[in-house]
Amino acid sequence: MTTLVAPGTPTELRGAGLNSDTSRAIGAWRGDPDWVLDWRAQAWAAWETIPMPTPTTEGWRRTNLRILALDKVHAISDAVAHVTSRADLPASLQKAIDTGFDHGAVLVQENGTTILTEVDTQLAGTGVIVCDIHEAIHRYPELVRAHLGTLVPPRWQPGMPSNAGKFEALNAAFFNGGTFVYVPKNTTVSLPVRSLVYQSDADAAFFPRSLIIVDENARLTYLDEYTSVNTASPDAPPVFGSAVVEIIIKDGGRVDYTSIQEWSLSTAGFLTQRASLGNNASCNWVAVVLGGMYTRGTADVLLQGKGTRADMLGLAFGEGTQVFDFHTLQDHQSPFTDSDQLYKTAMRDRAHLIYEGLINIRTGSYGSNGYQANRNVLLSDTAKADSIPMLEISDNDVLCTHGSSVGPIDQMHVYYLLTRGLPRPVAERLVIQGFFEPVIERIAVDDLKDRVRAAVDRKIGEQG
């Protein structure tokens, strides 16, 4: 399959700000069909009419959006040249890609442009599609149109306290880049499909939008990674972006989804991920968040069919003045659905964790089980964690449990290791690794466990 290569960015788009003219110009440059152009216009109208969240807005009361400098953000970067092999990638991306395990497919994007696509020949022969979202719009229009925006539409106001759709609308208006994956019925993708989104232009925003469709009784393992560059000057505005991922799992399907965010410490970004599950479908979801000056992470699972199960796992390690603002939703919409969530974080220095999670048992969802836990370790007296787990139950014959904890590292564990001759930094490192291990162990693929352990270990190592 020949990859469609994005044309060079028009001169008039370079340096353009966030406005309706630029949104239309991006659509024209990408050759969007009319329905996508209309979609972008609806999204811009939503962005303009949805109020900017303030400290009095429910779900945003602990959030400081004054760090954003949207008036200084460029909407798009210059297009980056396509390469034909990993050897032609920049050294930093080669290092990120070469992690020692095999992939069924790899897609690398820089500044919204797909620069490398590798799909195993045997995998392509099964009818599995892996390409960027713009290529999919042109080559598979009916498939994309039937699913794009069904979970996160241009105006997304689901009535939950976690999000009013403001920045999701901005993504829809300016989306540029993102991955499309389709797995046909009764097809098992045995090797992981991997997507790496890299923002190397500190002056431009990033707006990737990904769509993953797993058809009936199909299986997919997907690794989704995000990195960005540091700004050139400490006085420069933060790198800004809003990413959206929609995962549609049809009856009997299963997705093992691992997301790793390692944005630079000069990036303020929004990452919204939503999955819907049909009858007897299942999802094992692990979110690893290590980077970013400010990260607003929204992770929702919609348990729409009977007998569905979703495991939602997350870990974050904060340093300096990093802020992690997490919002999760376990939305039980049918009988006999199960969800199990465990989020663990470690905060050091003046890092701040904000967590709001909701289990919603809707009317008619009898026989369902929901569990939610948020565990936070503070490694410094100046670190902070605010945790708010919530339940909304509208039916009987259900089992729901939630809880959270915030506290310092267990010094008895550290002391035990000190008595075995380990220096304190090494002892604390092992305790932190052990704290995260219950999350990592629940990743379905062993190779991905090692990938996440390595990412966490790098973060801990940065602390000296």
Protein backbone atom coordinates (compact mmCIF):
# COMPACT_ATOMS: atom_id res chain seq x y z
CA MET A 1 0.00 0.00 0.00
CA THR A 2 1.38 3.38 -1.02
CA THR A 3 1.29 6.05 1.67
CA LEU A 4 -0.24 9.38 0.76
CA VAL A 5 2.34 12.09 1.51
CA ALA A 6 1.08 15.41 2.85
CA PRO A 7 1.87 18.39 0.62
CA GLY A 8 4.07 21.19 1.88
CA THR A 9 2.40 23.62 4.25
CA PRO A 10 1.11 26.69 2.39
CA THR A 11 3.01 29.87 3.19
CA GLU A 12 -0.13 31.62 4.45
CA LEU A 13 -0.65 28.93 7.11
CA ARG A 14 2.81 29.23 8.62
CA GLY A 15 2.53 31.40 11.68
CA ALA A 16 -1.25 31.64 11.42
CA GLY A 17 -3.12 31.78 14.74
CA LEU A 18 -6.19 29.95 16.00
CA ASN A 19 -9.17 31.39 14.14
CA SER A 20 -11.96 30.29 11.81
CA ASP A 21 -10.02 31.26 8.66
CA THR A 22 -7.10 29.06 9.66
CA SER A 23 -9.39 26.16 10.49
CA ARG A 24 -10.94 26.35 7.01
CA ALA A 25 -7.51 26.76 5.41
CA ILE A 26 -6.19 23.61 7.09
CA GLY A 27 -9.20 21.69 5.81
CA ALA A 28 -8.64 23.00 2.28
CA TRP A 29 -4.92 22.21 2.41
CA ARG A 30 -5.69 18.67 3.55
CA GLY A 31 -8.28 18.29 0.79
CA ASP A 32 -11.07 17.56 3.26
CA PRO A 33 -14.41 16.49 1.80
CA ASP A 34 -17.39 18.74 2.49
CA TRP A 35 -18.58 16.77 5.50
CA VAL A 36 -15.20 17.20 7.22
CA LEU A 37 -15.13 20.91 6.40
CA ASP A 38 -18.59 21.24 7.95
CA TRP A 39 -17.39 19.25 10.93
CA ARG A 40 -14.49 21.65 11.46
CA ALA A 41 -16.85 24.63 11.21
CA GLN A 42 -19.19 23.13 13.82
CA ALA A 43 -16.21 22.60 16.10
CA TRP A 44 -15.00 26.19 15.75
CA ALA A 45 -18.50 27.43 16.56
CA ALA A 46 -18.48 25.21 19.66
CA TRP A 47 -15.06 26.56 20.71
CA GLU A 48 -16.31 30.12 20.45
CA THR A 49 -19.57 29.53 22.32
CA ILE A 50 -18.43 27.16 25.11
CA PRO A 51 -17.11 29.38 27.93
CA MET A 52 -13.48 29.08 28.92
CA PRO A 53 -13.33 27.17 32.23
CA THR A 54 -12.55 29.27 35.30
CA PRO A 55 -11.62 28.38 38.89
CA THR A 56 -15.36 28.39 39.68
CA THR A 57 -16.24 25.88 36.93
CA GLU A 58 -17.10 22.41 38.19
CA GLY A 59 -14.28 20.05 37.31
CA TRP A 60 -11.77 22.90 36.86
CA ARG A 61 -11.63 24.42 40.36
CA ARG A 62 -8.04 23.34 40.98
CA THR A 63 -6.86 24.15 37.46
CA ASN A 64 -4.90 27.24 36.44
CA LEU A 65 -5.31 27.87 32.71
CA ARG A 66 -3.53 31.21 32.87
CA ILE A 67 -0.35 29.43 31.84
CA LEU A 68 -1.79 29.03 28.34
CA ALA A 69 -0.87 31.64 25.74
CA LEU A 70 -3.25 30.71 22.93
CA ASP A 71 -2.90 34.11 21.26
CA LYS A 72 0.76 33.30 20.58
CA VAL A 73 0.22 29.78 19.24
CA HIS A 74 0.64 28.98 15.56
CA ALA A 75 -1.97 26.60 14.18
CA ILE A 76 0.36 24.48 12.09
CA SER A 77 4.02 23.71 11.38
CA ASP A 78 5.94 23.30 8.17
CA ALA A 79 5.42 19.82 6.74
CA VAL A 80 8.21 17.37 7.58
CA ALA A 81 9.81 15.17 4.94
CA HIS A 82 8.69 11.54 4.69
CA VAL A 83 11.36 8.87 5.24
CA THR A 84 11.44 5.33 3.90
CA SER A 85 13.12 3.53 6.81
CA ARG A 86 13.81 3.90 10.51
CA ALA A 87 17.46 4.55 9.73
CA ASP A 88 16.45 7.87 8.17
CA LEU A 89 14.63 9.09 11.29
CA PRO A 90 16.25 11.66 13.59
CA ALA A 91 18.45 9.99 16.20
CA SER A 92 16.05 10.85 19.04
CA LEU A 93 13.14 9.15 17.28
CA GLN A 94 15.22 6.13 16.33
CA LYS A 95 16.05 5.66 19.99
CA ALA A 96 12.39 5.93 20.96
CA ILE A 97 11.25 3.43 18.33
CA ASP A 98 13.97 0.80 18.82
CA THR A 99 12.76 -0.73 22.07
CA GLY A 100 13.67 -4.35 21.39
CA PHE A 101 10.30 -5.92 20.58
CA ASP A 102 8.55 -6.65 17.31
CA HIS A 103 5.64 -4.61 15.96
CA GLY A 104 2.85 -5.46 13.59
CA ALA A 105 2.87 -1.84 12.43
CA VAL A 106 4.59 1.43 13.32
CA LEU A 107 3.42 4.93 12.43
CA VAL A 108 5.58 7.97 13.31
CA GLN A 109 4.27 11.53 13.04
CA GLU A 110 6.18 14.78 13.48
CA ASN A 111 4.35 18.11 13.69
CA GLY A 112 1.18 16.56 12.28
CA THR A 113 2.91 14.93 9.30
CA THR A 114 3.32 11.17 8.99
CA ILE A 115 7.01 10.67 8.28
CA LEU A 116 7.18 6.86 8.52
CA THR A 117 4.66 4.04 8.14
CA GLU A 118 5.67 0.40 8.45
CA VAL A 119 3.03 -2.33 8.22
CA ASP A 120 3.94 -6.00 8.34
CA THR A 121 3.07 -7.65 5.00
CA GLN A 122 1.30 -10.53 6.67
CA LEU A 123 -0.75 -8.13 8.80
CA ALA A 124 -1.78 -6.05 5.78
CA GLY A 125 -2.94 -9.24 4.08
CA THR A 126 -5.52 -9.81 6.80
CA GLY A 127 -7.36 -6.61 5.94
CA VAL A 128 -6.05 -4.63 8.94
CA ILE A 129 -5.66 -0.94 8.10
CA VAL A 130 -3.02 1.27 9.73
CA CYS A 131 -2.51 4.76 8.31
CA ASP A 132 -2.81 8.40 9.28
CA ILE A 133 -6.28 9.87 9.75
CA HIS A 134 -6.14 12.12 6.68
CA GLU A 135 -5.22 9.23 4.41
CA ALA A 136 -8.10 7.25 5.91
CA ILE A 137 -10.58 10.06 5.20
CA HIS A 138 -9.66 9.90 1.51
CA ARG A 139 -9.22 6.15 1.09
CA TYR A 140 -11.90 4.79 3.43
CA PRO A 141 -14.45 7.61 3.57
CA GLU A 142 -17.51 5.51 4.46
CA LEU A 143 -15.73 3.70 7.29
CA VAL A 144 -14.33 6.90 8.76
CA ARG A 145 -17.50 8.95 8.39
CA ALA A 146 -19.55 6.29 10.19
CA HIS A 147 -17.31 6.45 13.28
CA LEU A 148 -15.30 9.68 13.47
CA GLY A 149 -16.64 11.94 16.20
CA THR A 150 -19.21 9.46 17.48
CA LEU A 151 -17.52 9.38 20.90
CA VAL A 152 -16.04 12.89 20.98
CA PRO A 153 -18.14 15.03 18.62
CA PRO A 154 -17.32 18.64 17.70
CA ARG A 155 -19.59 19.86 20.51
CA TRP A 156 -19.07 17.43 23.34
CA GLN A 157 -21.15 18.13 26.44
CA PRO A 158 -21.98 14.75 27.93
CA GLY A 159 -23.32 16.21 31.16
CA MET A 160 -20.52 14.89 33.31
CA PRO A 161 -18.64 17.16 35.71
CA SER A 162 -15.22 16.25 34.32
CA ASN A 163 -15.36 18.09 31.01
CA ALA A 164 -17.45 20.55 29.01
CA GLY A 165 -15.76 19.84 25.65
CA LYS A 166 -13.98 23.18 25.21
CA PHE A 167 -10.58 21.86 24.19
CA GLU A 168 -12.01 18.84 22.39
CA ALA A 169 -13.81 21.30 20.12
CA LEU A 170 -10.51 23.05 19.43
CA ASN A 171 -9.02 19.70 18.42
CA ALA A 172 -11.86 19.03 15.98
CA ALA A 173 -11.52 22.48 14.40
CA PHE A 174 -7.76 22.18 13.81
CA PHE A 175 -7.07 18.45 13.80
CA ASN A 176 -3.87 17.77 11.91
CA GLY A 177 -2.33 14.33 12.19
CA GLY A 178 -3.45 11.28 14.08
CA THR A 179 -3.72 7.55 13.47
CA PHE A 180 -6.44 5.38 11.95
CA VAL A 181 -6.62 1.67 12.74
CA TYR A 182 -9.27 -0.80 11.59
CA VAL A 183 -9.29 -4.48 12.56
CA PRO A 184 -11.82 -6.58 10.60
CA LYS A 185 -14.20 -9.09 12.16
CA ASN A 186 -12.69 -12.22 13.74
CA THR A 187 -9.12 -10.95 13.19
CA THR A 188 -6.43 -11.14 15.87
CA VAL A 189 -3.49 -8.74 15.62
CA SER A 190 -0.83 -10.74 17.46
CA LEU A 191 1.93 -8.09 17.41
CA PRO A 192 1.44 -4.58 18.82
CA VAL A 193 0.48 -1.68 16.57
CA ARG A 194 2.42 1.39 17.61
CA SER A 195 1.92 5.10 17.05
CA LEU A 196 4.42 7.82 18.03
CA VAL A 197 3.34 11.48 17.89
CA TYR A 198 6.27 13.90 18.17
CA GLN A 199 6.02 17.69 18.30
CA SER A 200 9.37 19.27 17.40
CA ASP A 201 8.08 22.78 16.62
CA ALA A 202 7.84 24.70 19.89
CA ASP A 203 5.93 27.58 18.27
CA ALA A 204 3.09 25.53 16.81
CA ALA A 205 0.23 23.69 18.47
CA PHE A 206 -0.39 19.99 17.96
CA PHE A 207 -3.86 18.56 17.30
CA PRO A 208 -3.63 14.83 16.57
CA ARG A 209 -6.91 12.95 16.33
CA SER A 210 -6.89 9.15 16.29
CA LEU A 211 -9.64 6.65 15.53
CA ILE A 212 -9.33 2.96 16.38
CA ILE A 213 -12.08 0.56 15.29
CA VAL A 214 -12.01 -3.07 16.40
CA ASP A 215 -14.77 -5.01 14.72
CA GLU A 216 -16.73 -7.98 16.11
CA ASN A 217 -14.64 -10.67 17.83
CA ALA A 218 -11.39 -8.98 16.79
CA ARG A 219 -8.29 -8.39 18.94
CA LEU A 220 -5.78 -5.53 18.98
CA THR A 221 -2.81 -4.49 21.08
CA TYR A 222 -2.06 -0.79 20.62
CA LEU A 223 0.78 1.36 21.97
CA ASP A 224 0.12 5.11 21.75
CA GLU A 225 3.03 7.48 22.55
CA TYR A 226 3.36 11.26 22.76
CA THR A 227 6.54 13.33 23.04
CA SER A 228 7.42 16.99 22.46
CA VAL A 229 10.38 19.34 22.34
CA ASN A 230 11.47 21.82 25.00
CA THR A 231 10.97 25.50 24.24
CA ALA A 232 14.12 27.41 23.35
CA SER A 233 13.73 30.03 26.09
CA PRO A 234 12.42 29.86 29.67
CA ASP A 235 10.36 32.97 28.88
CA ALA A 236 8.69 31.43 25.84
CA PRO A 237 5.03 30.39 26.06
CA PRO A 238 4.47 26.69 26.66
CA VAL A 239 4.12 24.27 23.80
CA PHE A 240 0.36 23.71 23.52
CA GLY A 241 -1.75 20.92 22.13
CA SER A 242 -5.03 19.03 22.35
CA ALA A 243 -5.10 15.35 21.36
CA VAL A 244 -8.17 13.14 21.01
CA VAL A 245 -8.39 9.35 20.76
CA GLU A 246 -11.63 7.47 20.01
CA ILE A 247 -11.61 3.68 20.48
CA ILE A 248 -14.63 1.72 19.26
CA ILE A 249 -14.75 -1.93 20.33
CA LYS A 250 -17.63 -3.85 18.80
CA ASP A 251 -19.36 -7.01 20.10
CA GLY A 252 -16.91 -9.59 21.37
CA GLY A 253 -13.86 -7.46 20.58
CA ARG A 254 -10.87 -6.80 22.83
CA VAL A 255 -8.32 -3.99 22.92
CA ASP A 256 -5.17 -3.83 25.03
CA TYR A 257 -4.37 -0.12 24.94
CA THR A 258 -1.24 1.42 26.47
CA SER A 259 -0.72 5.18 26.32
CA ILE A 260 2.63 6.76 27.25
CA GLN A 261 2.86 10.56 27.53
CA GLU A 262 6.40 11.97 27.83
CA TRP A 263 5.88 15.57 26.76
CA SER A 264 8.61 18.05 27.60
CA LEU A 265 8.40 20.05 30.81
CA SER A 266 7.55 23.13 28.72
CA THR A 267 4.37 21.58 27.26
CA ALA A 268 0.81 22.27 28.42
CA GLY A 269 -1.47 19.75 26.78
CA PHE A 270 -4.87 18.10 26.81
CA LEU A 271 -5.24 14.39 26.11
CA THR A 272 -8.81 13.10 25.78
CA GLN A 273 -9.29 9.36 25.30
CA ARG A 274 -12.70 7.67 25.07
CA ALA A 275 -13.60 4.04 24.44
CA SER A 276 -16.98 2.43 23.78
CA LEU A 277 -17.59 -1.29 24.29
CA GLY A 278 -20.26 -3.45 22.67
CA ASN A 279 -21.75 -6.69 24.00
CA ASN A 280 -19.19 -8.96 25.69
CA ALA A 281 -16.36 -6.66 24.63
CA SER A 282 -13.36 -5.93 26.85
CA CYS A 283 -10.64 -3.35 27.23
CA ASN A 284 -7.40 -3.36 29.20
CA TRP A 285 -6.27 0.28 29.32
CA VAL A 286 -3.02 1.52 30.87
CA ALA A 287 -2.20 5.26 30.90
CA VAL A 288 1.39 6.25 31.73
CA VAL A 289 1.86 10.01 32.25
CA LEU A 290 5.37 11.25 32.98
CA GLY A 291 5.85 14.53 31.11
CA GLY A 292 4.32 17.94 30.63
CA MET A 293 4.24 21.22 32.50
CA TYR A 294 0.46 20.80 32.71
CA THR A 295 -1.48 17.74 31.58
CA ARG A 296 -5.26 17.51 31.45
CA GLY A 297 -5.98 13.83 30.97
CA THR A 298 -9.56 12.66 30.36
CA ALA A 299 -10.05 8.87 30.19
CA ASP A 300 -13.59 7.55 29.73
CA VAL A 301 -15.00 4.09 29.09
CA LEU A 302 -18.59 3.70 27.91
CA LEU A 303 -19.86 0.23 28.80
CA GLN A 304 -22.66 0.18 26.25
CA GLY A 305 -23.24 -3.55 25.76
CA LYS A 306 -24.17 -6.38 28.10
CA GLY A 307 -21.35 -8.35 29.67
CA THR A 308 -18.63 -5.82 28.92
CA ARG A 309 -15.51 -5.35 31.05
CA ALA A 310 -13.03 -2.49 31.25
CA ASP A 311 -9.82 -2.42 33.29
CA MET A 312 -8.53 1.15 33.62
CA LEU A 313 -5.03 1.50 35.01
CA GLY A 314 -2.88 4.58 35.30
CA LEU A 315 0.39 5.81 36.75
CA ALA A 316 2.06 9.20 36.90
CA PHE A 317 5.33 10.51 38.29
CA GLY A 318 5.62 14.26 38.87
CA GLU A 319 8.59 16.50 39.63
CA GLY A 320 9.33 20.21 39.87
CA THR A 321 6.12 22.15 39.36
CA GLN A 322 4.37 19.65 37.10
CA VAL A 323 0.57 19.50 37.31
CA PHE A 324 -1.38 16.36 36.41
CA ASP A 325 -5.11 16.97 36.11
CA PHE A 326 -6.84 13.58 35.66
CA HIS A 327 -10.54 12.95 35.06
CA THR A 328 -11.96 9.48 34.56
CA LEU A 329 -15.41 8.09 33.82
CA GLN A 330 -16.68 4.51 34.11
CA ASP A 331 -20.07 4.80 32.45
CA HIS A 332 -22.20 1.66 32.93
CA GLN A 333 -25.01 1.81 30.37
CA SER A 334 -26.12 -1.86 30.25
CA PRO A 335 -26.70 -4.77 32.62
CA PHE A 336 -23.92 -7.04 33.88
CA THR A 337 -21.04 -4.72 33.08
CA ASP A 338 -17.78 -4.60 35.04
CA SER A 339 -15.18 -1.88 35.44
CA ASP A 340 -12.04 -1.92 37.56
CA GLN A 341 -9.87 1.18 37.89
CA LEU A 342 -6.54 1.70 39.67
CA TYR A 343 -4.56 4.94 39.33
CA LYS A 344 -1.25 5.37 41.17
CA THR A 345 0.89 8.50 41.30
CA ALA A 346 4.10 9.68 42.93
CA MET A 347 4.68 13.44 43.34
CA ARG A 348 7.99 15.08 44.25
CA ASP A 349 9.16 18.68 44.76
CA ARG A 350 6.14 20.98 44.17
CA ALA A 351 4.32 18.69 41.76
CA HIS A 352 0.53 18.62 42.04
CA LEU A 353 -1.90 15.80 41.29
CA ILE A 354 -5.60 16.50 40.71
CA TYR A 355 -7.87 13.50 40.33
CA GLU A 356 -11.62 13.36 39.81
CA GLY A 357 -13.17 10.02 38.94
CA LEU A 358 -16.80 9.00 38.48
CA ILE A 359 -18.50 5.63 38.35
CA ASN A 360 -21.94 6.14 36.81
CA ILE A 361 -24.41 3.24 37.07
CA ARG A 362 -27.28 4.21 34.79
CA THR A 363 -30.89 3.06 35.09
CA GLY A 364 -31.18 -0.45 33.64
CA SER A 365 -27.56 -1.39 34.46
CA TYR A 366 -28.47 -3.95 37.12
CA GLY A 367 -25.98 -6.67 37.93
CA SER A 368 -23.02 -4.36 37.30
CA ASN A 369 -19.81 -4.01 39.31
CA GLY A 370 -17.61 -0.95 39.52
CA TYR A 371 -14.36 -0.39 41.44
CA GLN A 372 -12.29 2.77 41.61
CA ALA A 373 -9.05 3.43 43.51
CA ASN A 374 -6.59 6.32 43.45
CA ARG A 375 -3.36 5.90 45.47
CA ASN A 376 -0.89 8.78 45.76
CA VAL A 377 2.57 8.92 47.32
CA LEU A 378 4.09 12.29 48.21
CA LEU A 379 7.89 12.20 48.09
CA SER A 380 8.33 15.79 49.32
CA ASP A 381 6.61 17.94 51.92
CA THR A 382 5.80 20.50 49.21
CA ALA A 383 4.13 18.01 46.84
CA LYS A 384 0.34 17.89 46.76
CA ALA A 385 -2.46 15.54 45.72
CA ASP A 386 -6.21 16.30 45.58
CA SER A 387 -8.30 13.19 45.02
CA ILE A 388 -12.08 13.12 44.54
CA PRO A 389 -13.62 9.73 43.72
CA MET A 390 -17.37 9.83 43.01
CA LEU A 391 -20.31 7.45 42.56
CA GLU A 392 -23.65 8.00 40.83
CA ILE A 393 -25.91 4.96 41.15
CA SER A 394 -29.34 4.83 39.49
CA ASP A 395 -30.19 1.11 39.77
CA ASN A 396 -30.31 -1.72 42.27
CA ASP A 397 -28.43 -5.02 42.47
CA VAL A 398 -25.05 -3.44 41.80
CA LEU A 399 -21.71 -3.46 43.61
CA CYS A 400 -19.66 -0.26 43.65
CA THR A 401 -16.57 0.57 45.70
CA HIS A 402 -14.30 3.57 45.57
CA GLY A 403 -11.48 5.03 47.62
CA SER A 404 -8.36 7.13 47.58
CA SER A 405 -5.28 7.67 49.71
CA VAL A 406 -2.58 10.33 49.96
CA GLY A 407 0.52 9.98 52.08
CA PRO A 408 4.32 9.90 52.24
CA ILE A 409 6.51 7.01 51.23
CA ASP A 410 6.47 4.13 53.72
CA GLN A 411 9.68 4.65 55.69
CA MET A 412 9.48 1.13 57.12
CA HIS A 413 10.00 -0.23 53.62
CA VAL A 414 12.90 2.17 53.06
CA TYR A 415 14.41 1.27 56.43
CA TYR A 416 14.24 -2.44 55.63
CA LEU A 417 16.26 -1.87 52.46
CA LEU A 418 18.72 0.39 54.31
CA THR A 419 19.41 -2.42 56.77
CA ARG A 420 20.32 -4.61 53.79
CA GLY A 421 23.09 -2.17 52.89
CA LEU A 422 21.40 -0.16 50.16
CA PRO A 423 21.97 3.61 50.00
CA ARG A 424 18.86 5.70 50.63
CA PRO A 425 18.45 6.90 47.00
CA VAL A 426 18.55 3.30 45.78
CA ALA A 427 16.17 2.16 48.53
CA GLU A 428 13.65 4.87 47.70
CA ARG A 429 13.97 4.05 44.01
CA LEU A 430 13.08 0.41 44.66
CA VAL A 431 10.12 1.35 46.82
CA ILE A 432 8.76 3.64 44.10
CA GLN A 433 9.22 0.93 41.49
CA GLY A 434 7.40 -1.52 43.74
CA PHE A 435 4.58 0.96 44.30
CA PHE A 436 3.93 1.18 40.54
CA GLU A 437 4.41 -2.52 39.81
CA PRO A 438 0.77 -3.59 40.46
CA VAL A 439 -0.28 -1.27 37.63
CA ILE A 440 2.49 -2.36 35.26
CA GLU A 441 1.86 -6.03 35.94
CA ARG A 442 -1.68 -5.73 34.61
CA ILE A 443 -0.46 -4.74 31.14
CA ALA A 444 -1.46 -7.64 28.91
CA VAL A 445 1.78 -7.90 26.87
CA ASP A 446 5.09 -8.64 28.57
CA ASP A 447 7.09 -6.58 26.06
CA LEU A 448 4.94 -3.56 26.84
CA LYS A 449 5.49 -4.09 30.57
CA ASP A 450 9.23 -3.74 30.00
CA ARG A 451 8.66 -0.66 27.84
CA VAL A 452 6.67 1.02 30.62
CA ARG A 453 9.15 -0.03 33.33
CA ALA A 454 11.94 1.55 31.28
CA ALA A 455 9.95 4.80 30.89
CA VAL A 456 9.23 4.98 34.62
CA ASP A 457 12.83 4.14 35.46
CA ARG A 458 14.04 7.00 33.29
CA LYS A 459 11.74 9.37 35.14
CA ILE A 460 12.90 8.19 38.55
CA GLY A 461 16.49 8.38 37.39
CA GLU A 462 16.06 12.06 36.52
CA GLN A 463 15.53 12.71 40.19
CA GLY A 464 19.11 11.71 40.98
